[in-house]
């Protein structure tokens, strides 16, 4: 599903994930699109911490 959505966003300079959770969609978007920036919004500080850790694991933290 993420790959399909990402294919529709080709060429986008900014992608917003309004409910990022631990980063599944945001990380996939950053990895596939090589866009300038992915804005990942998450209300839970705990989930945001996991998101940042996961982004580092997948080496896309510079896009988030």
Protein backbone atom coordinates (compact mmCIF):
# COMPACT_ATOMS: atom_id res chain seq x y z
CA UNK A 1 0.00 0.00 0.00
CA UNK A 2 2.77 2.44 0.93
CA UNK A 3 4.56 1.84 -2.36
CA UNK A 4 1.38 2.63 -4.29
CA UNK A 5 0.78 5.83 -2.32
CA UNK A 6 4.44 6.80 -2.69
CA UNK A 7 4.23 6.31 -6.46
CA UNK A 8 1.42 8.89 -6.54
CA UNK A 9 3.64 11.39 -4.70
CA UNK A 10 6.60 11.25 -7.10
CA UNK A 11 8.16 14.66 -7.48
CA UNK A 12 6.62 16.03 -4.29
CA UNK A 13 8.93 18.25 -2.28
CA UNK A 14 7.00 17.81 0.99
CA UNK A 15 4.84 14.90 2.19
CA UNK A 16 2.79 15.14 5.39
CA UNK A 17 1.91 12.09 7.49
CA UNK A 18 -0.68 13.46 9.91
CA UNK A 19 -0.87 10.38 12.12
CA UNK A 20 2.63 8.96 11.93
CA UNK A 21 2.63 6.44 14.76
CA UNK A 22 6.04 4.75 14.86
CA UNK A 23 6.82 5.87 11.32
CA UNK A 24 5.87 3.05 8.96
CA UNK A 25 4.39 5.25 6.24
CA UNK A 26 6.64 8.27 6.80
CA UNK A 27 9.79 6.14 6.63
CA UNK A 28 8.61 4.34 3.50
CA UNK A 29 7.76 7.67 1.83
CA UNK A 30 11.18 9.08 2.68
CA UNK A 31 12.92 5.98 1.37
CA UNK A 32 11.00 5.66 -1.90
CA UNK A 33 10.46 9.26 -2.94
CA UNK A 34 13.76 10.81 -1.91
CA UNK A 35 11.70 13.96 -1.44
CA UNK A 36 13.06 17.03 0.26
CA UNK A 37 11.08 16.55 3.51
CA UNK A 38 8.53 14.27 5.19
CA UNK A 39 6.60 15.93 7.99
CA UNK A 40 5.56 13.23 10.45
CA UNK A 41 3.07 14.40 13.08
CA UNK A 42 2.50 12.28 16.19
CA UNK A 43 0.84 13.29 19.48
CA UNK A 44 2.44 10.54 21.58
CA UNK A 45 5.97 11.35 22.71
CA UNK A 46 6.67 7.63 23.13
CA UNK A 47 5.65 6.83 19.55
CA UNK A 48 7.61 9.82 18.29
CA UNK A 49 10.70 8.46 20.05
CA UNK A 50 10.21 5.11 18.29
CA UNK A 51 9.66 6.90 14.98
CA UNK A 52 12.98 8.74 15.27
CA UNK A 53 14.77 5.54 16.24
CA UNK A 54 13.22 3.67 13.30
CA UNK A 55 14.16 6.47 10.91
CA UNK A 56 17.78 6.15 12.04
CA UNK A 57 17.69 2.38 11.53
CA UNK A 58 16.40 2.83 7.97
CA UNK A 59 18.82 5.74 7.37
CA UNK A 60 16.14 8.29 6.39
CA UNK A 61 16.32 10.56 9.46
CA UNK A 62 17.64 13.42 7.32
CA UNK A 63 14.29 13.50 5.44
CA UNK A 64 12.05 13.61 8.54
